Each structure stands twice: as structure tokens, then as C-alpha cells.
Amino acid sequence: MADQETERVIVGQYVCLPNPCTTEPCLPGMAYAVECEGQAYFLTLGGRWSPENRAWSGWVPVEGDQLKVAGRVTQSVDRRGARYATIEARSVTLVA
């Protein structure tokens, strides 16, 4: 359940992490995120995260890349009570 949304720009490292538990029973999987200041933001498009590495404006990031992501951040709580964040990406760029 979402409890807070804000527009933000985050800069952090591109990673692939275990996805939050959002179903009953919990379905294991991985999803791409950007880690910034100890917080992981799962990248979403159309409200969905993906276990597939996707292209952004014609280029595909590599795990470990530093990315700048602008979009709507939503703070939520999964089925186990753990907090997690998503960012509905409006733009994703590589930080040189």
C-alpha cells in the first residue's frame, strides 16, 4: 500500500535486488533499482518494475553505473511490513 508520493531526482548506483513481497504468497524475483544514500529505489514504468534490464533513450545501463533518475517516488510497505520505495522514471541518464 502506497503512503507517500513525491517528485524527486536521485543519483545513485544501478543494481539488481530481490523484489519486495507484494503478493500472498510472496513470489521470489529480482528487479532493477538505484541505490542512493542507503535507500534502494525500484525503477518502474507504468507502475511495474522489471527483472529485465531495459533500454532508456536508446542505451542500456550496466550494473554499477551511476544514474540520475527523475520521477515520482512512492514509499510503500510490503506484505511482510517492510518499507520499500519505487521511482516511476520520467528520465534516466548516465552520470559521467
C-alpha atoms as a PDB file:
ATOM      1  CA  MET A   1       0.000   0.000   0.000  1.00  0.00           C
ATOM      2  CA  ALA A   2       1.425   3.390  -1.024  1.00  0.00           C
ATOM      3  CA  ASP A   3       1.558   6.008   1.688  1.00  0.00           C
ATOM      4  CA  GLN A   4       3.580   8.888   0.251  1.00  0.00           C
ATOM      5  CA  GLU A   5       4.437  10.203  -3.227  1.00  0.00           C
ATOM      6  CA  THR A   6       6.891  12.963  -4.135  1.00  0.00           C
ATOM      7  CA  GLU A   7       8.641  14.208  -7.272  1.00  0.00           C
ATOM      8  CA  ARG A   8      12.403  13.697  -6.941  1.00  0.00           C
ATOM      9  CA  VAL A   9      15.703  13.454  -8.730  1.00  0.00           C
ATOM     10  CA  ILE A  10      18.009  10.783  -7.349  1.00  0.00           C
ATOM     11  CA  VAL A  11      21.593   9.922  -8.244  1.00  0.00           C
ATOM     12  CA  GLY A  12      22.927   6.517  -7.352  1.00  0.00           C
ATOM     13  CA  GLN A  13      24.281   3.136  -8.365  1.00  0.00           C
ATOM     14  CA  TYR A  14      22.308   0.848 -10.716  1.00  0.00           C
ATOM     15  CA  VAL A  15      21.713  -2.547  -9.056  1.00  0.00           C
ATOM     16  CA  CYS A  16      19.538  -5.655  -9.325  1.00  0.00           C
ATOM     17  CA  LEU A  17      17.925  -6.634  -5.996  1.00  0.00           C
ATOM     18  CA  PRO A  18      15.345  -9.100  -4.656  1.00  0.00           C
ATOM     19  CA  ASN A  19      11.901  -7.582  -5.203  1.00  0.00           C
ATOM     20  CA  PRO A  20       9.659  -6.659  -2.262  1.00  0.00           C
ATOM     21  CA  CYS A  21       6.948  -9.111  -1.182  1.00  0.00           C
ATOM     22  CA  THR A  22       3.768  -7.716  -2.747  1.00  0.00           C
ATOM     23  CA  THR A  23       1.731 -10.929  -3.197  1.00  0.00           C
ATOM     24  CA  GLU A  24       0.402 -13.709  -0.992  1.00  0.00           C
ATOM     25  CA  PRO A  25       2.307 -15.995  -1.056  1.00  0.00           C
ATOM     26  CA  CYS A  26       5.441 -13.946  -1.699  1.00  0.00           C
ATOM     27  CA  LEU A  27       6.853 -14.607  -5.143  1.00  0.00           C
ATOM     28  CA  PRO A  28      10.655 -14.511  -5.340  1.00  0.00           C
ATOM     29  CA  GLY A  29      12.248 -12.433  -8.039  1.00  0.00           C
ATOM     30  CA  MET A  30      14.691  -9.682  -8.870  1.00  0.00           C
ATOM     31  CA  ALA A  31      14.145  -6.099 -10.005  1.00  0.00           C
ATOM     32  CA  TYR A  32      16.367  -3.206 -11.072  1.00  0.00           C
ATOM     33  CA  ALA A  33      16.837  -0.293  -8.709  1.00  0.00           C
ATOM     34  CA  VAL A  34      19.031   2.704  -7.994  1.00  0.00           C
ATOM     35  CA  GLU A  35      20.709   2.838  -4.574  1.00  0.00           C
ATOM     36  CA  CYS A  36      21.108   6.340  -3.182  1.00  0.00           C
ATOM     37  CA  GLU A  37      22.304   7.163   0.347  1.00  0.00           C
ATOM     38  CA  GLY A  38      21.455   3.709   1.694  1.00  0.00           C
ATOM     39  CA  GLN A  39      17.973   3.588   0.113  1.00  0.00           C
ATOM     40  CA  ALA A  40      17.023   1.430  -2.889  1.00  0.00           C
ATOM     41  CA  TYR A  41      14.504   2.890  -5.336  1.00  0.00           C
ATOM     42  CA  PHE A  42      12.990   0.213  -7.602  1.00  0.00           C
ATOM     43  CA  LEU A  43      12.686   1.608 -11.146  1.00  0.00           C
ATOM     44  CA  THR A  44       9.165   1.404 -12.539  1.00  0.00           C
ATOM     45  CA  LEU A  45       7.469   2.188 -15.837  1.00  0.00           C
ATOM     46  CA  GLY A  46       3.692   2.159 -15.847  1.00  0.00           C
ATOM     47  CA  GLY A  47       3.765   1.190 -12.181  1.00  0.00           C
ATOM     48  CA  ARG A  48       5.680  -2.060 -12.809  1.00  0.00           C
ATOM     49  CA  TRP A  49       9.258  -2.982 -12.002  1.00  0.00           C
ATOM     50  CA  SER A  50      11.122  -5.415 -14.189  1.00  0.00           C
ATOM     51  CA  PRO A  51      13.617  -8.251 -13.779  1.00  0.00           C
ATOM     52  CA  GLU A  52      14.786  -7.413 -17.337  1.00  0.00           C
ATOM     53  CA  ASN A  53      17.457  -4.810 -17.957  1.00  0.00           C
ATOM     54  CA  ARG A  54      15.730  -2.259 -20.186  1.00  0.00           C
ATOM     55  CA  ALA A  55      16.905   0.436 -22.552  1.00  0.00           C
ATOM     56  CA  TRP A  56      16.456   4.089 -21.621  1.00  0.00           C
ATOM     57  CA  SER A  57      16.504   6.545 -24.545  1.00  0.00           C
ATOM     58  CA  GLY A  58      18.485   4.118 -26.702  1.00  0.00           C
ATOM     59  CA  TRP A  59      21.128   2.934 -24.200  1.00  0.00           C
ATOM     60  CA  VAL A  60      21.158   0.108 -21.674  1.00  0.00           C
ATOM     61  CA  PRO A  61      22.767   0.699 -18.262  1.00  0.00           C
ATOM     62  CA  VAL A  62      25.138  -1.820 -16.712  1.00  0.00           C
ATOM     63  CA  GLU A  63      25.004  -2.800 -13.045  1.00  0.00           C
ATOM     64  CA  GLY A  64      27.336  -0.482 -11.159  1.00  0.00           C
ATOM     65  CA  ASP A  65      26.673   2.531 -13.430  1.00  0.00           C
ATOM     66  CA  GLN A  66      25.914   5.828 -11.723  1.00  0.00           C
ATOM     67  CA  LEU A  67      22.491   7.019 -12.881  1.00  0.00           C
ATOM     68  CA  LYS A  68      20.462  10.187 -12.469  1.00  0.00           C
ATOM     69  CA  VAL A  69      16.735   9.381 -12.327  1.00  0.00           C
ATOM     70  CA  ALA A  70      13.898  11.908 -12.258  1.00  0.00           C
ATOM     71  CA  GLY A  71      10.381  10.814 -11.437  1.00  0.00           C
ATOM     72  CA  ARG A  72       7.660  10.180  -8.892  1.00  0.00           C
ATOM     73  CA  VAL A  73       8.872   8.391  -5.755  1.00  0.00           C
ATOM     74  CA  THR A  74       6.383   6.271  -3.832  1.00  0.00           C
ATOM     75  CA  GLN A  75       7.111   4.940  -0.348  1.00  0.00           C
ATOM     76  CA  SER A  76       5.210   1.707   0.373  1.00  0.00           C
ATOM     77  CA  VAL A  77       5.020  -1.225   2.813  1.00  0.00           C
ATOM     78  CA  ASP A  78       5.178  -4.812   1.552  1.00  0.00           C
ATOM     79  CA  ARG A  79       3.143  -7.819   2.785  1.00  0.00           C
ATOM     80  CA  ARG A  80       5.749  -8.533   5.473  1.00  0.00           C
ATOM     81  CA  GLY A  81       5.675  -4.978   6.816  1.00  0.00           C
ATOM     82  CA  ALA A  82       8.995  -3.940   5.246  1.00  0.00           C
ATOM     83  CA  ARG A  83       9.201  -0.449   3.748  1.00  0.00           C
ATOM     84  CA  TYR A  84      10.373  -0.013   0.155  1.00  0.00           C
ATOM     85  CA  ALA A  85      10.478   2.769  -2.440  1.00  0.00           C
ATOM     86  CA  THR A  86       9.804   2.919  -6.167  1.00  0.00           C
ATOM     87  CA  ILE A  87      10.534   5.660  -8.666  1.00  0.00           C
ATOM     88  CA  GLU A  88       8.299   5.975 -11.717  1.00  0.00           C
ATOM     89  CA  ALA A  89      11.081   7.037 -14.081  1.00  0.00           C
ATOM     90  CA  ARG A  90      10.396  10.107 -16.213  1.00  0.00           C
ATOM     91  CA  SER A  91      14.044  10.272 -17.289  1.00  0.00           C
ATOM     92  CA  VAL A  92      17.141   8.134 -16.722  1.00  0.00           C
ATOM     93  CA  THR A  93      20.609   9.394 -17.627  1.00  0.00           C
ATOM     94  CA  LEU A  94      24.144   8.144 -17.131  1.00  0.00           C
ATOM     95  CA  VAL A  95      26.282  10.251 -14.780  1.00  0.00           C
ATOM     96  CA  ALA A  96      29.726  10.717 -16.319  1.00  0.00           C
END
